[in-house]
Amino acid sequence: MHLQHTTKAVIRPGEQSGYVAECLEIPVVTQGATLDETVVNLREAAELHLDGEDLAEFGLAPAPTIVITMELETAHA
């Protein structure tokens, strides 16, 4: 079995304010008022979710890296 060294996440603007982050391979969703806060919250939430788990069950290698994609709406001039 091939274990991934990364897990992917998407950050998008929140419906009313701030940002929402969601991991794609593991069930982790969090939010923050700023991008920096959202990234910190995402890291903490993913670490808490995976703490004590067998990462191979999620298809992940030890100490995976989170790869973040940012979704932005295009601005029309």
PDB file of N, CA and C in Angstrom:
ATOM      1  N   MET A   1       0.845  -1.182   0.000  1.00  0.00           N
ATOM      2  CA  MET A   1       0.000   0.000   0.000  1.00  0.00           C
ATOM      3  C   MET A   1       0.889   1.243   0.000  1.00  0.00           C
ATOM      4  N   HIS A   2       0.550   2.211  -0.825  1.00  0.00           N
ATOM      5  CA  HIS A   2       1.295   3.464  -0.924  1.00  0.00           C
ATOM      6  C   HIS A   2       0.696   4.458   0.074  1.00  0.00           C
ATOM      7  N   LEU A   3       1.513   4.972   0.984  1.00  0.00           N
ATOM      8  CA  LEU A   3       1.045   5.954   1.967  1.00  0.00           C
ATOM      9  C   LEU A   3       1.401   7.355   1.490  1.00  0.00           C
ATOM     10  N   GLN A   4       0.446   8.251   1.587  1.00  0.00           N
ATOM     11  CA  GLN A   4       0.661   9.632   1.166  1.00  0.00           C
ATOM     12  C   GLN A   4       1.402  10.403   2.254  1.00  0.00           C
ATOM     13  N   HIS A   5       2.291  11.282   1.822  1.00  0.00           N
ATOM     14  CA  HIS A   5       3.034  12.127   2.754  1.00  0.00           C
ATOM     15  C   HIS A   5       2.359  13.485   2.930  1.00  0.00           C
ATOM     16  N   THR A   6       1.277  13.691   2.194  1.00  0.00           N
ATOM     17  CA  THR A   6       0.539  14.949   2.309  1.00  0.00           C
ATOM     18  C   THR A   6      -0.952  14.665   2.430  1.00  0.00           C
ATOM     19  N   THR A   7      -1.655  15.586   3.060  1.00  0.00           N
ATOM     20  CA  THR A   7      -3.109  15.579   3.047  1.00  0.00           C
ATOM     21  C   THR A   7      -3.528  16.941   2.516  1.00  0.00           C
ATOM     22  N   LYS A   8      -4.549  16.969   1.728  1.00  0.00           N
ATOM     23  CA  LYS A   8      -4.949  18.213   1.069  1.00  0.00           C
ATOM     24  C   LYS A   8      -6.070  18.906   1.831  1.00  0.00           C
ATOM     25  N   ALA A   9      -6.043  20.240   1.787  1.00  0.00           N
ATOM     26  CA  ALA A   9      -7.085  21.048   2.411  1.00  0.00           C
ATOM     27  C   ALA A   9      -7.410  22.221   1.496  1.00  0.00           C
ATOM     28  N   VAL A  10      -8.620  22.711   1.624  1.00  0.00           N
ATOM     29  CA  VAL A  10      -9.066  23.869   0.848  1.00  0.00           C
ATOM     30  C   VAL A  10      -9.494  24.943   1.836  1.00  0.00           C
ATOM     31  N   ILE A  11      -9.049  26.183   1.584  1.00  0.00           N
ATOM     32  CA  ILE A  11      -9.514  27.330   2.371  1.00  0.00           C
ATOM     33  C   ILE A  11     -10.315  28.209   1.433  1.00  0.00           C
ATOM     34  N   ARG A  12     -11.498  28.581   1.887  1.00  0.00           N
ATOM     35  CA  ARG A  12     -12.349  29.461   1.083  1.00  0.00           C
ATOM     36  C   ARG A  12     -12.923  30.543   1.992  1.00  0.00           C
ATOM     37  N   PRO A  13     -13.322  31.663   1.418  1.00  0.00           N
ATOM     38  CA  PRO A  13     -13.948  32.704   2.237  1.00  0.00           C
ATOM     39  C   PRO A  13     -15.208  32.160   2.909  1.00  0.00           C
ATOM     40  N   GLY A  14     -15.423  32.577   4.161  1.00  0.00           N
ATOM     41  CA  GLY A  14     -16.630  32.183   4.881  1.00  0.00           C
ATOM     42  C   GLY A  14     -17.853  32.853   4.283  1.00  0.00           C
ATOM     43  N   GLU A  15     -19.031  32.316   4.600  1.00  0.00           N
ATOM     44  CA  GLU A  15     -20.261  32.867   4.031  1.00  0.00           C
ATOM     45  C   GLU A  15     -20.509  34.309   4.474  1.00  0.00           C
ATOM     46  N   GLN A  16     -20.195  34.615   5.740  1.00  0.00           N
ATOM     47  CA  GLN A  16     -20.432  35.975   6.215  1.00  0.00           C
ATOM     48  C   GLN A  16     -19.135  36.734   6.472  1.00  0.00           C
ATOM     49  N   SER A  17     -18.130  36.045   7.014  1.00  0.00           N
ATOM     50  CA  SER A  17     -16.844  36.683   7.258  1.00  0.00           C
ATOM     51  C   SER A  17     -15.803  35.602   7.516  1.00  0.00           C
ATOM     52  N   GLY A  18     -14.535  36.000   7.541  1.00  0.00           N
ATOM     53  CA  GLY A  18     -13.464  35.061   7.835  1.00  0.00           C
ATOM     54  C   GLY A  18     -13.280  34.018   6.760  1.00  0.00           C
ATOM     55  N   TYR A  19     -12.711  32.875   7.166  1.00  0.00           N
ATOM     56  CA  TYR A  19     -12.358  31.811   6.237  1.00  0.00           C
ATOM     57  C   TYR A  19     -12.740  30.457   6.819  1.00  0.00           C
ATOM     58  N   VAL A  20     -12.998  29.501   5.945  1.00  0.00           N
ATOM     59  CA  VAL A  20     -13.315  28.129   6.333  1.00  0.00           C
ATOM     60  C   VAL A  20     -12.282  27.224   5.674  1.00  0.00           C
ATOM     61  N   ALA A  21     -11.736  26.277   6.443  1.00  0.00           N
ATOM     62  CA  ALA A  21     -10.767  25.317   5.930  1.00  0.00           C
ATOM     63  C   ALA A  21     -11.335  23.915   6.087  1.00  0.00           C
ATOM     64  N   GLU A  22     -11.145  23.092   5.053  1.00  0.00           N
ATOM     65  CA  GLU A  22     -11.655  21.723   5.083  1.00  0.00           C
ATOM     66  C   GLU A  22     -10.618  20.784   4.488  1.00  0.00           C
ATOM     67  N   CYS A  23     -10.259  19.740   5.248  1.00  0.00           N
ATOM     68  CA  CYS A  23      -9.371  18.700   4.726  1.00  0.00           C
ATOM     69  C   CYS A  23     -10.174  17.805   3.797  1.00  0.00           C
ATOM     70  N   LEU A  24      -9.523  17.301   2.759  1.00  0.00           N
ATOM     71  CA  LEU A  24     -10.219  16.479   1.777  1.00  0.00           C
ATOM     72  C   LEU A  24     -10.171  14.989   2.105  1.00  0.00           C
ATOM     73  N   GLU A  25      -9.082  14.502   2.700  1.00  0.00           N
ATOM     74  CA  GLU A  25      -8.962  13.070   2.992  1.00  0.00           C
ATOM     75  C   GLU A  25      -9.413  12.681   4.396  1.00  0.00           C
ATOM     76  N   ILE A  26      -9.413  13.630   5.308  1.00  0.00           N
ATOM     77  CA  ILE A  26      -9.841  13.335   6.684  1.00  0.00           C
ATOM     78  C   ILE A  26     -10.961  14.302   7.058  1.00  0.00           C
ATOM     79  N   PRO A  27     -11.874  13.890   7.940  1.00  0.00           N
ATOM     80  CA  PRO A  27     -13.020  14.734   8.265  1.00  0.00           C
ATOM     81  C   PRO A  27     -12.674  15.857   9.249  1.00  0.00           C
ATOM     82  N   VAL A  28     -12.015  16.882   8.752  1.00  0.00           N
ATOM     83  CA  VAL A  28     -11.629  18.033   9.568  1.00  0.00           C
ATOM     84  C   VAL A  28     -12.091  19.305   8.868  1.00  0.00           C
ATOM     85  N   VAL A  29     -12.864  20.105   9.597  1.00  0.00           N
ATOM     86  CA  VAL A  29     -13.316  21.410   9.109  1.00  0.00           C
ATOM     87  C   VAL A  29     -13.113  22.398  10.249  1.00  0.00           C
ATOM     88  N   THR A  30     -12.585  23.578   9.924  1.00  0.00           N
ATOM     89  CA  THR A  30     -12.391  24.612  10.942  1.00  0.00           C
ATOM     90  C   THR A  30     -12.536  25.969  10.282  1.00  0.00           C
ATOM     91  N   GLN A  31     -12.437  27.018  11.077  1.00  0.00           N
ATOM     92  CA  GLN A  31     -12.569  28.368  10.532  1.00  0.00           C
ATOM     93  C   GLN A  31     -11.700  29.331  11.320  1.00  0.00           C
ATOM     94  N   GLY A  32     -11.583  30.544  10.811  1.00  0.00           N
ATOM     95  CA  GLY A  32     -10.826  31.583  11.490  1.00  0.00           C
ATOM     96  C   GLY A  32     -11.181  32.941  10.923  1.00  0.00           C
ATOM     97  N   ALA A  33     -10.875  33.983  11.686  1.00  0.00           N
ATOM     98  CA  ALA A  33     -11.181  35.346  11.255  1.00  0.00           C
ATOM     99  C   ALA A  33     -10.206  35.832  10.179  1.00  0.00           C
ATOM    100  N   THR A  34      -8.952  35.340  10.246  1.00  0.00           N
ATOM    101  CA  THR A  34      -7.929  35.720   9.270  1.00  0.00           C
ATOM    102  C   THR A  34      -7.368  34.448   8.630  1.00  0.00           C
ATOM    103  N   LEU A  35      -6.635  34.615   7.539  1.00  0.00           N
ATOM    104  CA  LEU A  35      -5.991  33.454   6.911  1.00  0.00           C
ATOM    105  C   LEU A  35      -5.008  32.787   7.867  1.00  0.00           C
ATOM    106  N   ASP A  36      -4.197  33.590   8.551  1.00  0.00           N
ATOM    107  CA  ASP A  36      -3.213  33.036   9.487  1.00  0.00           C
ATOM    108  C   ASP A  36      -3.900  32.226  10.578  1.00  0.00           C
ATOM    109  N   GLU A  37      -4.956  32.778  11.163  1.00  0.00           N
ATOM    110  CA  GLU A  37      -5.688  32.086  12.215  1.00  0.00           C
ATOM    111  C   GLU A  37      -6.307  30.788  11.681  1.00  0.00           C
ATOM    112  N   THR A  38      -6.822  30.833  10.464  1.00  0.00           N
ATOM    113  CA  THR A  38      -7.441  29.656   9.862  1.00  0.00           C
ATOM    114  C   THR A  38      -6.417  28.546   9.660  1.00  0.00           C
ATOM    115  N   VAL A  39      -5.207  28.893   9.194  1.00  0.00           N
ATOM    116  CA  VAL A  39      -4.151  27.904   8.983  1.00  0.00           C
ATOM    117  C   VAL A  39      -3.727  27.290  10.319  1.00  0.00           C
ATOM    118  N   VAL A  40      -3.565  28.099  11.355  1.00  0.00           N
ATOM    119  CA  VAL A  40      -3.202  27.588  12.681  1.00  0.00           C
ATOM    120  C   VAL A  40      -4.294  26.656  13.194  1.00  0.00           C
ATOM    121  N   ASN A  41      -5.557  27.062  13.050  1.00  0.00           N
ATOM    122  CA  ASN A  41      -6.674  26.241  13.507  1.00  0.00           C
ATOM    123  C   ASN A  41      -6.748  24.926  12.728  1.00  0.00           C
ATOM    124  N   LEU A  42      -6.458  24.983  11.435  1.00  0.00           N
ATOM    125  CA  LEU A  42      -6.473  23.778  10.608  1.00  0.00           C
ATOM    126  C   LEU A  42      -5.407  22.797  11.072  1.00  0.00           C
ATOM    127  N   ARG A  43      -4.209  23.291  11.302  1.00  0.00           N
ATOM    128  CA  ARG A  43      -3.119  22.425  11.769  1.00  0.00           C
ATOM    129  C   ARG A  43      -3.488  21.775  13.103  1.00  0.00           C
ATOM    130  N   GLU A  44      -4.003  22.580  14.047  1.00  0.00           N
ATOM    131  CA  GLU A  44      -4.379  22.055  15.356  1.00  0.00           C
ATOM    132  C   GLU A  44      -5.503  21.024  15.245  1.00  0.00           C
ATOM    133  N   ALA A  45      -6.519  21.320  14.434  1.00  0.00           N
ATOM    134  CA  ALA A  45      -7.653  20.401  14.284  1.00  0.00           C
ATOM    135  C   ALA A  45      -7.209  19.084  13.656  1.00  0.00           C
ATOM    136  N   ALA A  46      -6.337  19.147  12.645  1.00  0.00           N
ATOM    137  CA  ALA A  46      -5.844  17.924  12.006  1.00  0.00           C
ATOM    138  C   ALA A  46      -4.997  17.111  12.985  1.00  0.00           C
ATOM    139  N   GLU A  47      -4.142  17.781  13.749  1.00  0.00           N
ATOM    140  CA  GLU A  47      -3.314  17.078  14.737  1.00  0.00           C
ATOM    141  C   GLU A  47      -4.186  16.404  15.787  1.00  0.00           C
ATOM    142  N   LEU A  48      -5.203  17.100  16.282  1.00  0.00           N
ATOM    143  CA  LEU A  48      -6.107  16.522  17.282  1.00  0.00           C
ATOM    144  C   LEU A  48      -6.861  15.329  16.706  1.00  0.00           C
ATOM    145  N   HIS A  49      -7.324  15.458  15.465  1.00  0.00           N
ATOM    146  CA  HIS A  49      -8.080  14.373  14.839  1.00  0.00           C
ATOM    147  C   HIS A  49      -7.214  13.118  14.661  1.00  0.00           C
ATOM    148  N   LEU A  50      -5.947  13.308  14.304  1.00  0.00           N
ATOM    149  CA  LEU A  50      -5.065  12.177  14.015  1.00  0.00           C
ATOM    150  C   LEU A  50      -4.316  11.665  15.237  1.00  0.00           C
ATOM    151  N   ASP A  51      -4.357  12.402  16.351  1.00  0.00           N
ATOM    152  CA  ASP A  51      -3.626  12.021  17.558  1.00  0.00           C
ATOM    153  C   ASP A  51      -4.063  10.637  18.034  1.00  0.00           C
ATOM    154  N   GLY A  52      -3.105   9.749  18.159  1.00  0.00           N
ATOM    155  CA  GLY A  52      -3.385   8.405  18.652  1.00  0.00           C
ATOM    156  C   GLY A  52      -3.976   7.466  17.612  1.00  0.00           C
ATOM    157  N   GLU A  53      -4.186   7.934  16.396  1.00  0.00           N
ATOM    158  CA  GLU A  53      -4.746   7.108  15.326  1.00  0.00           C
ATOM    159  C   GLU A  53      -3.636   6.414  14.555  1.00  0.00           C
ATOM    160  N   ASP A  54      -3.976   5.314  13.908  1.00  0.00           N
ATOM    161  CA  ASP A  54      -3.059   4.649  12.994  1.00  0.00           C
ATOM    162  C   ASP A  54      -3.169   5.386  11.663  1.00  0.00           C
ATOM    163  N   LEU A  55      -2.162   6.205  11.347  1.00  0.00           N
ATOM    164  CA  LEU A  55      -2.221   7.039  10.149  1.00  0.00           C
ATOM    165  C   LEU A  55      -2.376   6.212   8.877  1.00  0.00           C
ATOM    166  N   ALA A  56      -1.862   4.996   8.880  1.00  0.00           N
ATOM    167  CA  ALA A  56      -1.979   4.136   7.699  1.00  0.00           C
ATOM    168  C   ALA A  56      -3.446   3.843   7.384  1.00  0.00           C
ATOM    169  N   GLU A  57      -4.317   3.835   8.406  1.00  0.00           N
ATOM    170  CA  GLU A  57      -5.746   3.618   8.161  1.00  0.00           C
ATOM    171  C   GLU A  57      -6.341   4.746   7.313  1.00  0.00           C
ATOM    172  N   PHE A  58      -5.734   5.928   7.383  1.00  0.00           N
ATOM    173  CA  PHE A  58      -6.165   7.073   6.578  1.00  0.00           C
ATOM    174  C   PHE A  58      -5.372   7.162   5.274  1.00  0.00           C
ATOM    175  N   GLY A  59      -4.461   6.194   5.057  1.00  0.00           N
ATOM    176  CA  GLY A  59      -3.614   6.203   3.868  1.00  0.00           C
ATOM    177  C   GLY A  59      -2.471   7.195   3.966  1.00  0.00           C
ATOM    178  N   LEU A  60      -2.129   7.596   5.208  1.00  0.00           N
ATOM    179  CA  LEU A  60      -1.110   8.624   5.413  1.00  0.00           C
ATOM    180  C   LEU A  60       0.163   8.042   6.019  1.00  0.00           C
ATOM    181  N   ALA A  61       1.301   8.554   5.574  1.00  0.00           N
ATOM    182  CA  ALA A  61       2.595   8.230   6.162  1.00  0.00           C
ATOM    183  C   ALA A  61       2.729   9.007   7.475  1.00  0.00           C
ATOM    184  N   PRO A  62       3.680   8.628   8.336  1.00  0.00           N
ATOM    185  CA  PRO A  62       3.902   9.383   9.573  1.00  0.00           C
ATOM    186  C   PRO A  62       4.224  10.852   9.292  1.00  0.00           C
ATOM    187  N   ALA A  63       3.750  11.735  10.146  1.00  0.00           N
ATOM    188  CA  ALA A  63       4.000  13.181  10.065  1.00  0.00           C
ATOM    189  C   ALA A  63       3.669  13.772   8.698  1.00  0.00           C
ATOM    190  N   PRO A  64       2.427  13.612   8.230  1.00  0.00           N
ATOM    191  CA  PRO A  64       2.076  14.161   6.910  1.00  0.00           C
ATOM    192  C   PRO A  64       2.056  15.687   6.922  1.00  0.00           C
ATOM    193  N   THR A  65       2.277  16.265   5.764  1.00  0.00           N
ATOM    194  CA  THR A  65       2.220  17.706   5.559  1.00  0.00           C
ATOM    195  C   THR A  65       0.847  18.059   5.006  1.00  0.00           C
ATOM    196  N   ILE A  66       0.308  19.193   5.410  1.00  0.00           N
ATOM    197  CA  ILE A  66      -0.966  19.661   4.862  1.00  0.00           C
ATOM    198  C   ILE A  66      -0.668  20.587   3.685  1.00  0.00           C
ATOM    199  N   VAL A  67      -1.210  20.258   2.522  1.00  0.00           N
ATOM    200  CA  VAL A  67      -1.080  21.084   1.334  1.00  0.00           C
ATOM    201  C   VAL A  67      -2.395  21.846   1.176  1.00  0.00           C
ATOM    202  N   ILE A  68      -2.310  23.171   1.196  1.00  0.00           N
ATOM    203  CA  ILE A  68      -3.509  24.008   1.194  1.00  0.00           C
ATOM    204  C   ILE A  68      -3.712  24.662  -0.167  1.00  0.00           C
ATOM    205  N   THR A  69      -4.950  24.595  -0.636  1.00  0.00           N
ATOM    206  CA  THR A  69      -5.374  25.307  -1.834  1.00  0.00           C
ATOM    207  C   THR A  69      -6.325  26.407  -1.381  1.00  0.00           C
ATOM    208  N   MET A  70      -6.148  27.589  -1.918  1.00  0.00           N
ATOM    209  CA  MET A  70      -6.999  28.725  -1.554  1.00  0.00           C
ATOM    210  C   MET A  70      -7.965  28.990  -2.694  1.00  0.00           C
ATOM    211  N   GLU A  71      -9.246  29.025  -2.379  1.00  0.00           N
ATOM    212  CA  GLU A  71     -10.255  29.359  -3.382  1.00  0.00           C
ATOM    213  C   GLU A  71     -10.605  30.831  -3.246  1.00  0.00           C
ATOM    214  N   LEU A  72     -10.452  31.570  -4.336  1.00  0.00           N
ATOM    215  CA  LEU A  72     -10.783  33.002  -4.345  1.00  0.00           C
ATOM    216  C   LEU A  72     -11.794  33.280  -5.424  1.00  0.00           C
ATOM    217  N   GLU A  73     -12.660  34.204  -5.147  1.00  0.00           N
ATOM    218  CA  GLU A  73     -13.597  34.644  -6.182  1.00  0.00           C
ATOM    219  C   GLU A  73     -12.897  35.695  -7.028  1.00  0.00           C
ATOM    220  N   THR A  74     -13.155  35.705  -8.316  1.00  0.00           N
ATOM    221  CA  THR A  74     -12.526  36.701  -9.167  1.00  0.00           C
ATOM    222  C   THR A  74     -13.203  38.042  -8.966  1.00  0.00           C
ATOM    223  N   ALA A  75     -12.394  39.075  -8.991  1.00  0.00           N
ATOM    224  CA  ALA A  75     -12.907  40.438  -8.853  1.00  0.00           C
ATOM    225  C   ALA A  75     -13.089  41.018 -10.250  1.00  0.00           C
ATOM    226  N   HIS A  76     -14.227  41.613 -10.478  1.00  0.00           N
ATOM    227  CA  HIS A  76     -14.507  42.229 -11.774  1.00  0.00           C
ATOM    228  C   HIS A  76     -14.310  43.723 -11.665  1.00  0.00           C
ATOM    229  N   ALA A  77     -13.501  44.268 -12.565  1.00  0.00           N
ATOM    230  CA  ALA A  77     -13.195  45.703 -12.513  1.00  0.00           C
ATOM    231  C   ALA A  77     -14.313  46.497 -13.136  1.00  0.00           C
TER     232      ALA A  77
END
